[in-house]
Amino acid sequence: MAFVVAAIWKAKEGEQQRVEDVIRKMTPLSRGEEANLFYQAQVSPEDPRTFFLYEQYSDEAGYEAHKATPYFQENVFGYILEYLEERSVKTYTTIDV
């Protein structure tokens, strides 16, 4: 069973490139984490200010460790939130078959 994170970030008007730049910076760092199983960001073709981040971790502790990394603290909590109009984060667990 994996711990899944589905996040939606909507950039403030005119800030979508800044948000995309942070996502591009965070993606390889996040993918390199031991507990990270999958990390992929998408942008809406209908609204280029809306980004969807889909992440999978080996467990919830792996996700908590991700949020505690210096680069997450700096780039997300310490920077990008100021440029987001909306941010939602939902968590799930996979159904293993």
PDB file of N, CA and C in Angstrom:
ATOM      1  N   MET A   1       0.846  -1.180   0.000  1.00  0.00           N
ATOM      2  CA  MET A   1       0.000   0.000   0.000  1.00  0.00           C
ATOM      3  C   MET A   1       0.890   1.242   0.000  1.00  0.00           C
ATOM      4  N   ALA A   2       0.612   2.170  -0.895  1.00  0.00           N
ATOM      5  CA  ALA A   2       1.365   3.424  -0.987  1.00  0.00           C
ATOM      6  C   ALA A   2       0.523   4.566  -0.439  1.00  0.00           C
ATOM      7  N   PHE A   3       1.198   5.607  -0.007  1.00  0.00           N
ATOM      8  CA  PHE A   3       0.537   6.823   0.463  1.00  0.00           C
ATOM      9  C   PHE A   3       0.561   7.815  -0.696  1.00  0.00           C
ATOM     10  N   VAL A   4      -0.608   8.285  -1.096  1.00  0.00           N
ATOM     11  CA  VAL A   4      -0.762   9.112  -2.289  1.00  0.00           C
ATOM     12  C   VAL A   4      -1.134  10.537  -1.898  1.00  0.00           C
ATOM     13  N   VAL A   5      -0.522  11.487  -2.588  1.00  0.00           N
ATOM     14  CA  VAL A   5      -0.823  12.908  -2.394  1.00  0.00           C
ATOM     15  C   VAL A   5      -1.267  13.478  -3.731  1.00  0.00           C
ATOM     16  N   ALA A   6      -2.399  14.151  -3.728  1.00  0.00           N
ATOM     17  CA  ALA A   6      -2.912  14.843  -4.907  1.00  0.00           C
ATOM     18  C   ALA A   6      -3.077  16.309  -4.523  1.00  0.00           C
ATOM     19  N   ALA A   7      -2.254  17.150  -5.119  1.00  0.00           N
ATOM     20  CA  ALA A   7      -2.274  18.571  -4.777  1.00  0.00           C
ATOM     21  C   ALA A   7      -2.633  19.391  -6.005  1.00  0.00           C
ATOM     22  N   ILE A   8      -3.420  20.420  -5.775  1.00  0.00           N
ATOM     23  CA  ILE A   8      -3.748  21.368  -6.839  1.00  0.00           C
ATOM     24  C   ILE A   8      -3.249  22.739  -6.399  1.00  0.00           C
ATOM     25  N   TRP A   9      -2.459  23.339  -7.254  1.00  0.00           N
ATOM     26  CA  TRP A   9      -1.963  24.693  -7.030  1.00  0.00           C
ATOM     27  C   TRP A   9      -2.505  25.574  -8.148  1.00  0.00           C
ATOM     28  N   LYS A  10      -3.125  26.674  -7.781  1.00  0.00           N
ATOM     29  CA  LYS A  10      -3.559  27.647  -8.784  1.00  0.00           C
ATOM     30  C   LYS A  10      -2.768  28.926  -8.562  1.00  0.00           C
ATOM     31  N   ALA A  11      -1.998  29.303  -9.559  1.00  0.00           N
ATOM     32  CA  ALA A  11      -1.155  30.488  -9.473  1.00  0.00           C
ATOM     33  C   ALA A  11      -2.001  31.753  -9.539  1.00  0.00           C
ATOM     34  N   LYS A  12      -1.544  32.774  -8.852  1.00  0.00           N
ATOM     35  CA  LYS A  12      -2.160  34.084  -9.010  1.00  0.00           C
ATOM     36  C   LYS A  12      -1.930  34.549 -10.441  1.00  0.00           C
ATOM     37  N   GLU A  13      -2.789  35.435 -10.889  1.00  0.00           N
ATOM     38  CA  GLU A  13      -2.690  35.967 -12.252  1.00  0.00           C
ATOM     39  C   GLU A  13      -1.266  36.463 -12.513  1.00  0.00           C
ATOM     40  N   GLY A  14      -0.680  35.976 -13.615  1.00  0.00           N
ATOM     41  CA  GLY A  14       0.654  36.400 -14.013  1.00  0.00           C
ATOM     42  C   GLY A  14       1.800  35.697 -13.296  1.00  0.00           C
ATOM     43  N   GLU A  15       1.500  34.769 -12.408  1.00  0.00           N
ATOM     44  CA  GLU A  15       2.549  34.100 -11.623  1.00  0.00           C
ATOM     45  C   GLU A  15       2.759  32.638 -12.011  1.00  0.00           C
ATOM     46  N   GLN A  16       2.113  32.187 -13.100  1.00  0.00           N
ATOM     47  CA  GLN A  16       2.208  30.769 -13.445  1.00  0.00           C
ATOM     48  C   GLN A  16       3.634  30.337 -13.782  1.00  0.00           C
ATOM     49  N   GLN A  17       4.434  31.191 -14.385  1.00  0.00           N
ATOM     50  CA  GLN A  17       5.806  30.796 -14.705  1.00  0.00           C
ATOM     51  C   GLN A  17       6.629  30.626 -13.437  1.00  0.00           C
ATOM     52  N   ARG A  18       6.418  31.469 -12.468  1.00  0.00           N
ATOM     53  CA  ARG A  18       7.121  31.350 -11.187  1.00  0.00           C
ATOM     54  C   ARG A  18       6.766  30.020 -10.516  1.00  0.00           C
ATOM     55  N   VAL A  19       5.485  29.651 -10.553  1.00  0.00           N
ATOM     56  CA  VAL A  19       5.044  28.382  -9.965  1.00  0.00           C
ATOM     57  C   VAL A  19       5.653  27.215 -10.731  1.00  0.00           C
ATOM     58  N   GLU A  20       5.614  27.272 -12.045  1.00  0.00           N
ATOM     59  CA  GLU A  20       6.199  26.194 -12.847  1.00  0.00           C
ATOM     60  C   GLU A  20       7.699  26.049 -12.571  1.00  0.00           C
ATOM     61  N   ASP A  21       8.391  27.161 -12.402  1.00  0.00           N
ATOM     62  CA  ASP A  21       9.827  27.108 -12.112  1.00  0.00           C
ATOM     63  C   ASP A  21      10.102  26.374 -10.801  1.00  0.00           C
ATOM     64  N   VAL A  22       9.285  26.629  -9.788  1.00  0.00           N
ATOM     65  CA  VAL A  22       9.460  25.935  -8.513  1.00  0.00           C
ATOM     66  C   VAL A  22       9.170  24.446  -8.677  1.00  0.00           C
ATOM     67  N   ILE A  23       8.132  24.109  -9.425  1.00  0.00           N
ATOM     68  CA  ILE A  23       7.815  22.698  -9.668  1.00  0.00           C
ATOM     69  C   ILE A  23       8.982  22.013 -10.383  1.00  0.00           C
ATOM     70  N   ARG A  24       9.543  22.675 -11.374  1.00  0.00           N
ATOM     71  CA  ARG A  24      10.680  22.094 -12.105  1.00  0.00           C
ATOM     72  C   ARG A  24      11.892  21.907 -11.186  1.00  0.00           C
ATOM     73  N   LYS A  25      12.067  22.790 -10.245  1.00  0.00           N
ATOM     74  CA  LYS A  25      13.163  22.680  -9.280  1.00  0.00           C
ATOM     75  C   LYS A  25      12.916  21.554  -8.286  1.00  0.00           C
ATOM     76  N   MET A  26      11.670  21.434  -7.824  1.00  0.00           N
ATOM     77  CA  MET A  26      11.325  20.451  -6.798  1.00  0.00           C
ATOM     78  C   MET A  26      11.227  19.019  -7.325  1.00  0.00           C
ATOM     79  N   THR A  27      10.870  18.849  -8.580  1.00  0.00           N
ATOM     80  CA  THR A  27      10.608  17.508  -9.102  1.00  0.00           C
ATOM     81  C   THR A  27      11.803  16.561  -8.989  1.00  0.00           C
ATOM     82  N   PRO A  28      12.977  16.906  -9.500  1.00  0.00           N
ATOM     83  CA  PRO A  28      14.089  15.946  -9.380  1.00  0.00           C
ATOM     84  C   PRO A  28      14.520  15.716  -7.929  1.00  0.00           C
ATOM     85  N   LEU A  29      14.424  16.741  -7.106  1.00  0.00           N
ATOM     86  CA  LEU A  29      14.773  16.584  -5.690  1.00  0.00           C
ATOM     87  C   LEU A  29      13.804  15.614  -5.018  1.00  0.00           C
ATOM     88  N   SER A  30      12.528  15.779  -5.292  1.00  0.00           N
ATOM     89  CA  SER A  30      11.504  14.920  -4.690  1.00  0.00           C
ATOM     90  C   SER A  30      11.621  13.494  -5.187  1.00  0.00           C
ATOM     91  N   ARG A  31      11.866  13.329  -6.472  1.00  0.00           N
ATOM     92  CA  ARG A  31      12.010  11.982  -7.036  1.00  0.00           C
ATOM     93  C   ARG A  31      13.212  11.245  -6.447  1.00  0.00           C
ATOM     94  N   GLY A  32      14.183  11.988  -5.964  1.00  0.00           N
ATOM     95  CA  GLY A  32      15.367  11.378  -5.383  1.00  0.00           C
ATOM     96  C   GLY A  32      15.219  10.920  -3.943  1.00  0.00           C
ATOM     97  N   GLU A  33      14.100  11.227  -3.326  1.00  0.00           N
ATOM     98  CA  GLU A  33      13.890  10.831  -1.933  1.00  0.00           C
ATOM     99  C   GLU A  33      13.669   9.328  -1.839  1.00  0.00           C
ATOM    100  N   GLU A  34      14.203   8.745  -0.787  1.00  0.00           N
ATOM    101  CA  GLU A  34      14.128   7.293  -0.610  1.00  0.00           C
ATOM    102  C   GLU A  34      12.692   6.773  -0.591  1.00  0.00           C
ATOM    103  N   ALA A  35      11.798   7.485   0.073  1.00  0.00           N
ATOM    104  CA  ALA A  35      10.411   7.020   0.209  1.00  0.00           C
ATOM    105  C   ALA A  35       9.535   7.392  -0.979  1.00  0.00           C
ATOM    106  N   ASN A  36      10.057   8.180  -1.916  1.00  0.00           N
ATOM    107  CA  ASN A  36       9.248   8.593  -3.062  1.00  0.00           C
ATOM    108  C   ASN A  36       9.169   7.474  -4.085  1.00  0.00           C
ATOM    109  N   LEU A  37       7.945   7.113  -4.445  1.00  0.00           N
ATOM    110  CA  LEU A  37       7.713   6.085  -5.455  1.00  0.00           C
ATOM    111  C   LEU A  37       7.366   6.685  -6.810  1.00  0.00           C
ATOM    112  N   PHE A  38       6.742   7.863  -6.793  1.00  0.00           N
ATOM    113  CA  PHE A  38       6.301   8.511  -8.035  1.00  0.00           C
ATOM    114  C   PHE A  38       6.040   9.975  -7.747  1.00  0.00           C
ATOM    115  N   TYR A  39       6.431  10.840  -8.667  1.00  0.00           N
ATOM    116  CA  TYR A  39       6.213  12.273  -8.501  1.00  0.00           C
ATOM    117  C   TYR A  39       6.056  12.870  -9.893  1.00  0.00           C
ATOM    118  N   GLN A  40       4.872  13.390 -10.189  1.00  0.00           N
ATOM    119  CA  GLN A  40       4.631  13.953 -11.513  1.00  0.00           C
ATOM    120  C   GLN A  40       3.721  15.165 -11.404  1.00  0.00           C
ATOM    121  N   ALA A  41       4.140  16.243 -12.028  1.00  0.00           N
ATOM    122  CA  ALA A  41       3.327  17.459 -12.066  1.00  0.00           C
ATOM    123  C   ALA A  41       2.704  17.600 -13.457  1.00  0.00           C
ATOM    124  N   GLN A  42       1.517  18.164 -13.484  1.00  0.00           N
ATOM    125  CA  GLN A  42       0.790  18.422 -14.722  1.00  0.00           C
ATOM    126  C   GLN A  42       0.279  19.861 -14.687  1.00  0.00           C
ATOM    127  N   VAL A  43       0.001  20.400 -15.858  1.00  0.00           N
ATOM    128  CA  VAL A  43      -0.633  21.707 -15.952  1.00  0.00           C
ATOM    129  C   VAL A  43      -1.913  21.550 -16.774  1.00  0.00           C
ATOM    130  N   SER A  44      -2.943  22.262 -16.372  1.00  0.00           N
ATOM    131  CA  SER A  44      -4.224  22.157 -17.058  1.00  0.00           C
ATOM    132  C   SER A  44      -4.150  22.792 -18.447  1.00  0.00           C
ATOM    133  N   PRO A  45      -4.597  22.072 -19.485  1.00  0.00           N
ATOM    134  CA  PRO A  45      -4.621  22.681 -20.818  1.00  0.00           C
ATOM    135  C   PRO A  45      -5.694  23.761 -20.942  1.00  0.00           C
ATOM    136  N   GLU A  46      -6.706  23.713 -20.074  1.00  0.00           N
ATOM    137  CA  GLU A  46      -7.764  24.724 -20.114  1.00  0.00           C
ATOM    138  C   GLU A  46      -7.411  25.970 -19.303  1.00  0.00           C
ATOM    139  N   ASP A  47      -6.580  25.802 -18.277  1.00  0.00           N
ATOM    140  CA  ASP A  47      -6.209  26.918 -17.406  1.00  0.00           C
ATOM    141  C   ASP A  47      -4.745  26.785 -17.031  1.00  0.00           C
ATOM    142  N   PRO A  48      -3.854  27.462 -17.737  1.00  0.00           N
ATOM    143  CA  PRO A  48      -2.420  27.306 -17.499  1.00  0.00           C
ATOM    144  C   PRO A  48      -1.943  27.815 -16.136  1.00  0.00           C
ATOM    145  N   ARG A  49      -2.850  28.360 -15.344  1.00  0.00           N
ATOM    146  CA  ARG A  49      -2.494  28.757 -13.975  1.00  0.00           C
ATOM    147  C   ARG A  49      -2.722  27.619 -12.984  1.00  0.00           C
ATOM    148  N   THR A  50      -3.347  26.511 -13.428  1.00  0.00           N
ATOM    149  CA  THR A  50      -3.688  25.415 -12.535  1.00  0.00           C
ATOM    150  C   THR A  50      -2.766  24.222 -12.762  1.00  0.00           C
ATOM    151  N   PHE A  51      -2.133  23.804 -11.671  1.00  0.00           N
ATOM    152  CA  PHE A  51      -1.182  22.693 -11.690  1.00  0.00           C
ATOM    153  C   PHE A  51      -1.705  21.569 -10.799  1.00  0.00           C
ATOM    154  N   PHE A  52      -1.515  20.346 -11.258  1.00  0.00           N
ATOM    155  CA  PHE A  52      -1.904  19.164 -10.492  1.00  0.00           C
ATOM    156  C   PHE A  52      -0.647  18.346 -10.217  1.00  0.00           C
ATOM    157  N   LEU A  53      -0.363  18.095  -8.941  1.00  0.00           N
ATOM    158  CA  LEU A  53       0.797  17.305  -8.551  1.00  0.00           C
ATOM    159  C   LEU A  53       0.314  15.974  -7.996  1.00  0.00           C
ATOM    160  N   TYR A  54       0.817  14.892  -8.582  1.00  0.00           N
ATOM    161  CA  TYR A  54       0.469  13.548  -8.137  1.00  0.00           C
ATOM    162  C   TYR A  54       1.737  12.901  -7.597  1.00  0.00           C
ATOM    163  N   GLU A  55       1.670  12.466  -6.339  1.00  0.00           N
ATOM    164  CA  GLU A  55       2.845  11.925  -5.672  1.00  0.00           C
ATOM    165  C   GLU A  55       2.488  10.619  -4.964  1.00  0.00           C
ATOM    166  N   GLN A  56       3.434   9.694  -4.936  1.00  0.00           N
ATOM    167  CA  GLN A  56       3.270   8.459  -4.173  1.00  0.00           C
ATOM    168  C   GLN A  56       4.506   8.254  -3.314  1.00  0.00           C
ATOM    169  N   TYR A  57       4.245   7.870  -2.064  1.00  0.00           N
ATOM    170  CA  TYR A  57       5.315   7.589  -1.093  1.00  0.00           C
ATOM    171  C   TYR A  57       5.103   6.205  -0.521  1.00  0.00           C
ATOM    172  N   SER A  58       6.162   5.616  -0.004  1.00  0.00           N
ATOM    173  CA  SER A  58       6.057   4.273   0.558  1.00  0.00           C
ATOM    174  C   SER A  58       5.116   4.228   1.754  1.00  0.00           C
ATOM    175  N   ASP A  59       5.011   5.346   2.473  1.00  0.00           N
ATOM    176  CA  ASP A  59       4.090   5.439   3.609  1.00  0.00           C
ATOM    177  C   ASP A  59       3.916   6.913   3.991  1.00  0.00           C
ATOM    178  N   GLU A  60       3.045   7.167   4.949  1.00  0.00           N
ATOM    179  CA  GLU A  60       2.777   8.545   5.361  1.00  0.00           C
ATOM    180  C   GLU A  60       4.024   9.203   5.947  1.00  0.00           C
ATOM    181  N   ALA A  61       4.839   8.427   6.643  1.00  0.00           N
ATOM    182  CA  ALA A  61       6.078   8.972   7.205  1.00  0.00           C
ATOM    183  C   ALA A  61       7.000   9.479   6.098  1.00  0.00           C
ATOM    184  N   GLY A  62       6.991   8.824   4.956  1.00  0.00           N
ATOM    185  CA  GLY A  62       7.783   9.281   3.814  1.00  0.00           C
ATOM    186  C   GLY A  62       7.318  10.629   3.314  1.00  0.00           C
ATOM    187  N   TYR A  63       6.002  10.829   3.300  1.00  0.00           N
ATOM    188  CA  TYR A  63       5.457  12.128   2.893  1.00  0.00           C
ATOM    189  C   TYR A  63       5.815  13.210   3.911  1.00  0.00           C
ATOM    190  N   GLU A  64       5.711  12.876   5.185  1.00  0.00           N
ATOM    191  CA  GLU A  64       6.079  13.840   6.225  1.00  0.00           C
ATOM    192  C   GLU A  64       7.559  14.199   6.120  1.00  0.00           C
ATOM    193  N   ALA A  65       8.407  13.214   5.821  1.00  0.00           N
ATOM    194  CA  ALA A  65       9.834  13.479   5.631  1.00  0.00           C
ATOM    195  C   ALA A  65      10.052  14.394   4.431  1.00  0.00           C
ATOM    196  N   HIS A  66       9.269  14.195   3.370  1.00  0.00           N
ATOM    197  CA  HIS A  66       9.333  15.059   2.181  1.00  0.00           C
ATOM    198  C   HIS A  66       9.041  16.507   2.561  1.00  0.00           C
ATOM    199  N   LYS A  67       7.980  16.711   3.323  1.00  0.00           N
ATOM    200  CA  LYS A  67       7.608  18.078   3.715  1.00  0.00           C
ATOM    201  C   LYS A  67       8.645  18.709   4.641  1.00  0.00           C
ATOM    202  N   ALA A  68       9.421  17.896   5.327  1.00  0.00           N
ATOM    203  CA  ALA A  68      10.422  18.409   6.270  1.00  0.00           C
ATOM    204  C   ALA A  68      11.775  18.707   5.609  1.00  0.00           C
ATOM    205  N   THR A  69      11.927  18.353   4.331  1.00  0.00           N
ATOM    206  CA  THR A  69      13.213  18.604   3.675  1.00  0.00           C
ATOM    207  C   THR A  69      13.474  20.099   3.571  1.00  0.00           C
ATOM    208  N   PRO A  70      14.736  20.495   3.612  1.00  0.00           N
ATOM    209  CA  PRO A  70      15.055  21.924   3.489  1.00  0.00           C
ATOM    210  C   PRO A  70      14.533  22.549   2.196  1.00  0.00           C
ATOM    211  N   TYR A  71      14.586  21.801   1.086  1.00  0.00           N
ATOM    212  CA  TYR A  71      14.122  22.378  -0.182  1.00  0.00           C
ATOM    213  C   TYR A  71      12.608  22.541  -0.215  1.00  0.00           C
ATOM    214  N   PHE A  72      11.855  21.658   0.448  1.00  0.00           N
ATOM    215  CA  PHE A  72      10.402  21.842   0.527  1.00  0.00           C
ATOM    216  C   PHE A  72      10.093  23.050   1.406  1.00  0.00           C
ATOM    217  N   GLN A  73      10.731  23.114   2.555  1.00  0.00           N
ATOM    218  CA  GLN A  73      10.502  24.233   3.470  1.00  0.00           C
ATOM    219  C   GLN A  73      10.804  25.565   2.782  1.00  0.00           C
ATOM    220  N   GLU A  74      11.916  25.618   2.064  1.00  0.00           N
ATOM    221  CA  GLU A  74      12.330  26.859   1.402  1.00  0.00           C
ATOM    222  C   GLU A  74      11.447  27.214   0.210  1.00  0.00           C
ATOM    223  N   ASN A  75      11.199  26.236  -0.677  1.00  0.00           N
ATOM    224  CA  ASN A  75      10.511  26.529  -1.930  1.00  0.00           C
ATOM    225  C   ASN A  75       8.990  26.542  -1.836  1.00  0.00           C
ATOM    226  N   VAL A  76       8.438  25.757  -0.937  1.00  0.00           N
ATOM    227  CA  VAL A  76       6.977  25.704  -0.815  1.00  0.00           C
ATOM    228  C   VAL A  76       6.524  26.605   0.333  1.00  0.00           C
ATOM    229  N   PHE A  77       6.832  26.226   1.561  1.00  0.00           N
ATOM    230  CA  PHE A  77       6.357  27.015   2.702  1.00  0.00           C
ATOM    231  C   PHE A  77       6.993  28.404   2.744  1.00  0.00           C
ATOM    232  N   GLY A  78       8.255  28.515   2.316  1.00  0.00           N
ATOM    233  CA  GLY A  78       8.958  29.785   2.438  1.00  0.00           C
ATOM    234  C   GLY A  78       8.905  30.683   1.223  1.00  0.00           C
ATOM    235  N   TYR A  79       8.254  30.226   0.142  1.00  0.00           N
ATOM    236  CA  TYR A  79       8.302  31.035  -1.083  1.00  0.00           C
ATOM    237  C   TYR A  79       7.005  30.996  -1.892  1.00  0.00           C
ATOM    238  N   ILE A  80       6.660  29.832  -2.423  1.00  0.00           N
ATOM    239  CA  ILE A  80       5.634  29.779  -3.466  1.00  0.00           C
ATOM    240  C   ILE A  80       4.225  30.057  -2.964  1.00  0.00           C
ATOM    241  N   LEU A  81       3.952  29.811  -1.696  1.00  0.00           N
ATOM    242  CA  LEU A  81       2.589  30.040  -1.187  1.00  0.00           C
ATOM    243  C   LEU A  81       2.123  31.473  -1.432  1.00  0.00           C
ATOM    244  N   GLU A  82       3.054  32.390  -1.425  1.00  0.00           N
ATOM    245  CA  GLU A  82       2.734  33.803  -1.659  1.00  0.00           C
ATOM    246  C   GLU A  82       2.185  34.049  -3.068  1.00  0.00           C
ATOM    247  N   TYR A  83       2.529  33.172  -3.996  1.00  0.00           N
ATOM    248  CA  TYR A  83       2.148  33.347  -5.399  1.00  0.00           C
ATOM    249  C   TYR A  83       0.990  32.450  -5.833  1.00  0.00           C
ATOM    250  N   LEU A  84       0.387  31.773  -4.857  1.00  0.00           N
ATOM    251  CA  LEU A  84      -0.744  30.900  -5.167  1.00  0.00           C
ATOM    252  C   LEU A  84      -2.060  31.558  -4.771  1.00  0.00           C
ATOM    253  N   GLU A  85      -3.016  31.458  -5.667  1.00  0.00           N
ATOM    254  CA  GLU A  85      -4.379  31.920  -5.385  1.00  0.00           C
ATOM    255  C   GLU A  85      -5.124  30.857  -4.583  1.00  0.00           C
ATOM    256  N   GLU A  86      -4.864  29.598  -4.920  1.00  0.00           N
ATOM    257  CA  GLU A  86      -5.493  28.458  -4.237  1.00  0.00           C
ATOM    258  C   GLU A  86      -4.479  27.333  -4.100  1.00  0.00           C
ATOM    259  N   ARG A  87      -4.657  26.558  -3.031  1.00  0.00           N
ATOM    260  CA  ARG A  87      -3.833  25.360  -2.830  1.00  0.00           C
ATOM    261  C   ARG A  87      -4.666  24.344  -2.071  1.00  0.00           C
ATOM    262  N   SER A  88      -4.776  23.152  -2.631  1.00  0.00           N
ATOM    263  CA  SER A  88      -5.467  22.075  -1.915  1.00  0.00           C
ATOM    264  C   SER A  88      -4.603  20.824  -1.965  1.00  0.00           C
ATOM    265  N   VAL A  89      -4.642  20.070  -0.891  1.00  0.00           N
ATOM    266  CA  VAL A  89      -3.883  18.830  -0.798  1.00  0.00           C
ATOM    267  C   VAL A  89      -4.805  17.757  -0.237  1.00  0.00           C
ATOM    268  N   LYS A  90      -4.938  16.668  -0.961  1.00  0.00           N
ATOM    269  CA  LYS A  90      -5.735  15.523  -0.533  1.00  0.00           C
ATOM    270  C   LYS A  90      -4.820  14.312  -0.470  1.00  0.00           C
ATOM    271  N   THR A  91      -5.062  13.440   0.497  1.00  0.00           N
ATOM    272  CA  THR A  91      -4.243  12.236   0.608  1.00  0.00           C
ATOM    273  C   THR A  91      -5.115  10.986   0.517  1.00  0.00           C
ATOM    274  N   TYR A  92      -4.489   9.929   0.021  1.00  0.00           N
ATOM    275  CA  TYR A  92      -5.169   8.661  -0.203  1.00  0.00           C
ATOM    276  C   TYR A  92      -4.193   7.530   0.072  1.00  0.00           C
ATOM    277  N   THR A  93      -4.698   6.320   0.139  1.00  0.00           N
ATOM    278  CA  THR A  93      -3.844   5.139   0.111  1.00  0.00           C
ATOM    279  C   THR A  93      -4.287   4.280  -1.060  1.00  0.00           C
ATOM    280  N   THR A  94      -3.341   3.564  -1.641  1.00  0.00           N
ATOM    281  CA  THR A  94      -3.665   2.743  -2.796  1.00  0.00           C
ATOM    282  C   THR A  94      -4.422   1.490  -2.355  1.00  0.00           C
ATOM    283  N   ILE A  95      -5.198   0.958  -3.269  1.00  0.00           N
ATOM    284  CA  ILE A  95      -5.886  -0.317  -3.068  1.00  0.00           C
ATOM    285  C   ILE A  95      -5.043  -1.352  -3.786  1.00  0.00           C
ATOM    286  N   ASP A  96      -4.356  -2.139  -3.013  1.00  0.00           N
ATOM    287  CA  ASP A  96      -3.484  -3.155  -3.620  1.00  0.00           C
ATOM    288  C   ASP A  96      -4.298  -4.394  -3.987  1.00  0.00           C
ATOM    289  N   VAL A  97      -4.107  -4.833  -5.198  1.00  0.00           N
ATOM    290  CA  VAL A  97      -4.846  -5.984  -5.693  1.00  0.00           C
ATOM    291  C   VAL A  97      -3.852  -7.073  -6.078  1.00  0.00           C
TER     292      VAL A  97
END
